[in-house]
Amino acid sequence: MTPLSELQPGQEGIVRALRGGHGFVSRLAALGFTPGAPLVVVRNAGSGPLIVSIRGSRVALGRGEASHVLILKG
């Protein structure tokens, strides 16, 4: 498994796990980050937020948040 923060723009993956406290996991689950959900990285410029397309929406995550989302690369 790879942290979401390491994927490059255009790369696809499947959410496998979320590492963090209950509040963090609940918030990301509400945004669509649930195990088995496919996603595509839209923007990962090395600084600033990482933008992903998941479940028909675009979501911006901070780098710290993205490092706690574990992905199985597609």
N, C-alpha and C. Protein backbone atom coordinates (compact mmCIF):
# COMPACT_ATOMS: atom_id res chain seq x y z
N MET A 1 0.84 -1.18 0.00
CA MET A 1 0.00 0.00 0.00
C MET A 1 0.88 1.25 0.00
N THR A 2 0.40 2.26 -0.64
CA THR A 2 1.15 3.50 -0.84
C THR A 2 0.34 4.67 -0.28
N PRO A 3 0.99 5.63 0.38
CA PRO A 3 0.26 6.83 0.80
C PRO A 3 -0.23 7.61 -0.42
N LEU A 4 -1.42 8.15 -0.34
CA LEU A 4 -1.99 8.94 -1.43
C LEU A 4 -1.06 10.08 -1.83
N SER A 5 -0.35 10.64 -0.89
CA SER A 5 0.53 11.79 -1.17
C SER A 5 1.65 11.45 -2.16
N GLU A 6 1.94 10.16 -2.39
CA GLU A 6 3.02 9.77 -3.30
C GLU A 6 2.55 9.54 -4.73
N LEU A 7 1.25 9.54 -4.99
CA LEU A 7 0.75 9.34 -6.35
C LEU A 7 0.92 10.62 -7.17
N GLN A 8 1.15 10.43 -8.46
CA GLN A 8 1.33 11.55 -9.38
C GLN A 8 0.03 11.84 -10.12
N PRO A 9 -0.11 13.04 -10.70
CA PRO A 9 -1.32 13.37 -11.45
C PRO A 9 -1.59 12.33 -12.54
N GLY A 10 -2.84 11.93 -12.64
CA GLY A 10 -3.24 10.93 -13.61
C GLY A 10 -3.20 9.51 -13.09
N GLN A 11 -2.50 9.27 -11.98
CA GLN A 11 -2.44 7.93 -11.43
C GLN A 11 -3.76 7.59 -10.75
N GLU A 12 -4.15 6.32 -10.89
CA GLU A 12 -5.37 5.83 -10.28
C GLU A 12 -5.04 4.90 -9.13
N GLY A 13 -5.98 4.76 -8.23
CA GLY A 13 -5.79 3.85 -7.11
C GLY A 13 -7.11 3.52 -6.46
N ILE A 14 -7.04 2.62 -5.50
CA ILE A 14 -8.22 2.22 -4.74
C ILE A 14 -7.91 2.43 -3.26
N VAL A 15 -8.82 3.10 -2.56
CA VAL A 15 -8.63 3.34 -1.13
C VAL A 15 -8.63 2.00 -0.41
N ARG A 16 -7.60 1.78 0.41
CA ARG A 16 -7.49 0.54 1.18
C ARG A 16 -7.68 0.78 2.67
N ALA A 17 -7.14 1.89 3.19
CA ALA A 17 -7.23 2.14 4.63
C ALA A 17 -7.01 3.62 4.92
N LEU A 18 -7.54 4.07 6.05
CA LEU A 18 -7.32 5.42 6.56
C LEU A 18 -6.66 5.29 7.92
N ARG A 19 -5.54 5.98 8.10
CA ARG A 19 -4.86 5.96 9.39
C ARG A 19 -5.12 7.27 10.10
N GLY A 20 -5.62 7.19 11.31
CA GLY A 20 -5.87 8.41 12.06
C GLY A 20 -6.95 8.21 13.09
N GLY A 21 -7.27 9.29 13.75
CA GLY A 21 -8.29 9.25 14.80
C GLY A 21 -9.69 9.16 14.23
N HIS A 22 -10.63 8.96 15.12
CA HIS A 22 -12.03 8.79 14.73
C HIS A 22 -12.56 9.99 13.95
N GLY A 23 -12.24 11.19 14.38
CA GLY A 23 -12.72 12.39 13.69
C GLY A 23 -12.20 12.48 12.27
N PHE A 24 -10.91 12.20 12.09
CA PHE A 24 -10.29 12.24 10.76
C PHE A 24 -10.92 11.20 9.85
N VAL A 25 -11.02 9.97 10.33
CA VAL A 25 -11.58 8.88 9.54
C VAL A 25 -13.04 9.17 9.17
N SER A 26 -13.81 9.68 10.11
CA SER A 26 -15.21 10.00 9.85
C SER A 26 -15.35 11.10 8.80
N ARG A 27 -14.53 12.13 8.90
CA ARG A 27 -14.60 13.24 7.95
C ARG A 27 -14.26 12.77 6.54
N LEU A 28 -13.18 11.98 6.40
CA LEU A 28 -12.81 11.49 5.08
C LEU A 28 -13.83 10.50 4.54
N ALA A 29 -14.41 9.68 5.39
CA ALA A 29 -15.46 8.76 4.93
C ALA A 29 -16.65 9.54 4.39
N ALA A 30 -16.99 10.66 5.04
CA ALA A 30 -18.10 11.49 4.57
C ALA A 30 -17.80 12.12 3.21
N LEU A 31 -16.52 12.30 2.90
CA LEU A 31 -16.11 12.85 1.60
C LEU A 31 -16.00 11.78 0.52
N GLY A 32 -16.18 10.51 0.90
CA GLY A 32 -16.15 9.42 -0.08
C GLY A 32 -14.94 8.51 0.02
N PHE A 33 -14.02 8.80 0.94
CA PHE A 33 -12.82 7.98 1.09
C PHE A 33 -13.12 6.76 1.96
N THR A 34 -13.73 5.77 1.34
CA THR A 34 -14.04 4.52 2.03
C THR A 34 -13.29 3.39 1.34
N PRO A 35 -12.95 2.33 2.07
CA PRO A 35 -12.22 1.22 1.45
C PRO A 35 -12.94 0.68 0.22
N GLY A 36 -12.17 0.52 -0.86
CA GLY A 36 -12.71 0.04 -2.12
C GLY A 36 -13.07 1.12 -3.10
N ALA A 37 -13.07 2.39 -2.67
CA ALA A 37 -13.44 3.49 -3.56
C ALA A 37 -12.30 3.81 -4.53
N PRO A 38 -12.58 3.81 -5.83
CA PRO A 38 -11.54 4.19 -6.80
C PRO A 38 -11.36 5.70 -6.82
N LEU A 39 -10.14 6.14 -7.11
CA LEU A 39 -9.87 7.57 -7.21
C LEU A 39 -8.80 7.83 -8.26
N VAL A 40 -8.71 9.08 -8.68
CA VAL A 40 -7.69 9.52 -9.63
C VAL A 40 -7.09 10.81 -9.08
N VAL A 41 -5.76 10.91 -9.09
CA VAL A 41 -5.10 12.13 -8.65
C VAL A 41 -5.18 13.16 -9.78
N VAL A 42 -5.74 14.32 -9.47
CA VAL A 42 -5.89 15.39 -10.45
C VAL A 42 -4.69 16.34 -10.37
N ARG A 43 -4.27 16.66 -9.14
CA ARG A 43 -3.16 17.61 -8.96
C ARG A 43 -2.33 17.18 -7.76
N ASN A 44 -1.02 17.12 -7.98
CA ASN A 44 -0.08 16.89 -6.89
C ASN A 44 1.21 17.60 -7.29
N ALA A 45 1.25 18.89 -7.03
CA ALA A 45 2.34 19.73 -7.51
C ALA A 45 3.54 19.76 -6.58
N GLY A 46 3.53 19.03 -5.50
CA GLY A 46 4.66 19.03 -4.58
C GLY A 46 4.50 20.05 -3.45
N SER A 47 3.66 21.05 -3.67
CA SER A 47 3.33 21.99 -2.60
C SER A 47 1.87 22.36 -2.76
N GLY A 48 1.26 22.75 -1.68
CA GLY A 48 -0.16 23.05 -1.73
C GLY A 48 -0.99 21.78 -1.65
N PRO A 49 -2.29 21.92 -1.77
CA PRO A 49 -3.16 20.75 -1.59
C PRO A 49 -3.05 19.75 -2.73
N LEU A 50 -3.39 18.52 -2.41
CA LEU A 50 -3.46 17.45 -3.39
C LEU A 50 -4.95 17.34 -3.76
N ILE A 51 -5.26 17.31 -5.04
CA ILE A 51 -6.65 17.24 -5.48
C ILE A 51 -6.90 15.89 -6.12
N VAL A 52 -7.96 15.23 -5.67
CA VAL A 52 -8.31 13.93 -6.22
C VAL A 52 -9.76 13.94 -6.68
N SER A 53 -10.04 13.09 -7.65
CA SER A 53 -11.40 12.86 -8.10
C SER A 53 -11.84 11.53 -7.51
N ILE A 54 -12.92 11.57 -6.71
CA ILE A 54 -13.41 10.37 -6.05
C ILE A 54 -14.93 10.42 -5.99
N ARG A 55 -15.56 9.36 -6.40
CA ARG A 55 -17.03 9.25 -6.39
C ARG A 55 -17.72 10.43 -7.07
N GLY A 56 -17.16 10.88 -8.20
CA GLY A 56 -17.79 11.95 -8.97
C GLY A 56 -17.55 13.36 -8.45
N SER A 57 -16.70 13.51 -7.43
CA SER A 57 -16.40 14.83 -6.87
C SER A 57 -14.90 15.06 -6.85
N ARG A 58 -14.51 16.31 -6.84
CA ARG A 58 -13.10 16.65 -6.64
C ARG A 58 -12.93 17.12 -5.21
N VAL A 59 -11.92 16.56 -4.55
CA VAL A 59 -11.68 16.86 -3.15
C VAL A 59 -10.23 17.28 -2.99
N ALA A 60 -10.01 18.36 -2.25
CA ALA A 60 -8.66 18.84 -1.95
C ALA A 60 -8.28 18.38 -0.54
N LEU A 61 -7.10 17.78 -0.44
CA LEU A 61 -6.59 17.33 0.86
C LEU A 61 -5.23 17.96 1.11
N GLY A 62 -4.97 18.30 2.34
CA GLY A 62 -3.63 18.76 2.70
C GLY A 62 -2.65 17.60 2.60
N ARG A 63 -1.38 17.92 2.48
CA ARG A 63 -0.36 16.87 2.34
C ARG A 63 -0.34 15.93 3.53
N GLY A 64 -0.51 16.45 4.73
CA GLY A 64 -0.53 15.60 5.92
C GLY A 64 -1.70 14.64 5.89
N GLU A 65 -2.86 15.15 5.49
CA GLU A 65 -4.04 14.29 5.39
C GLU A 65 -3.82 13.20 4.34
N ALA A 66 -3.31 13.59 3.19
CA ALA A 66 -3.11 12.63 2.10
C ALA A 66 -2.12 11.53 2.48
N SER A 67 -1.18 11.84 3.35
CA SER A 67 -0.20 10.82 3.75
C SER A 67 -0.82 9.75 4.64
N HIS A 68 -2.02 10.01 5.17
CA HIS A 68 -2.70 9.04 6.04
C HIS A 68 -3.76 8.21 5.30
N VAL A 69 -3.89 8.45 3.99
CA VAL A 69 -4.81 7.66 3.17
C VAL A 69 -3.95 6.64 2.40
N LEU A 70 -4.17 5.36 2.67
CA LEU A 70 -3.37 4.32 2.03
C LEU A 70 -4.10 3.79 0.81
N ILE A 71 -3.36 3.70 -0.29
CA ILE A 71 -3.92 3.39 -1.61
C ILE A 71 -3.25 2.15 -2.18
N LEU A 72 -4.04 1.37 -2.91
CA LEU A 72 -3.51 0.29 -3.74
C LEU A 72 -3.50 0.86 -5.15
N LYS A 73 -2.30 1.03 -5.71
CA LYS A 73 -2.18 1.66 -7.03
C LYS A 73 -2.82 0.79 -8.11
N GLY A 74 -3.52 1.47 -9.05
CA GLY A 74 -4.19 0.78 -10.13
C GLY A 74 -3.31 0.56 -11.34
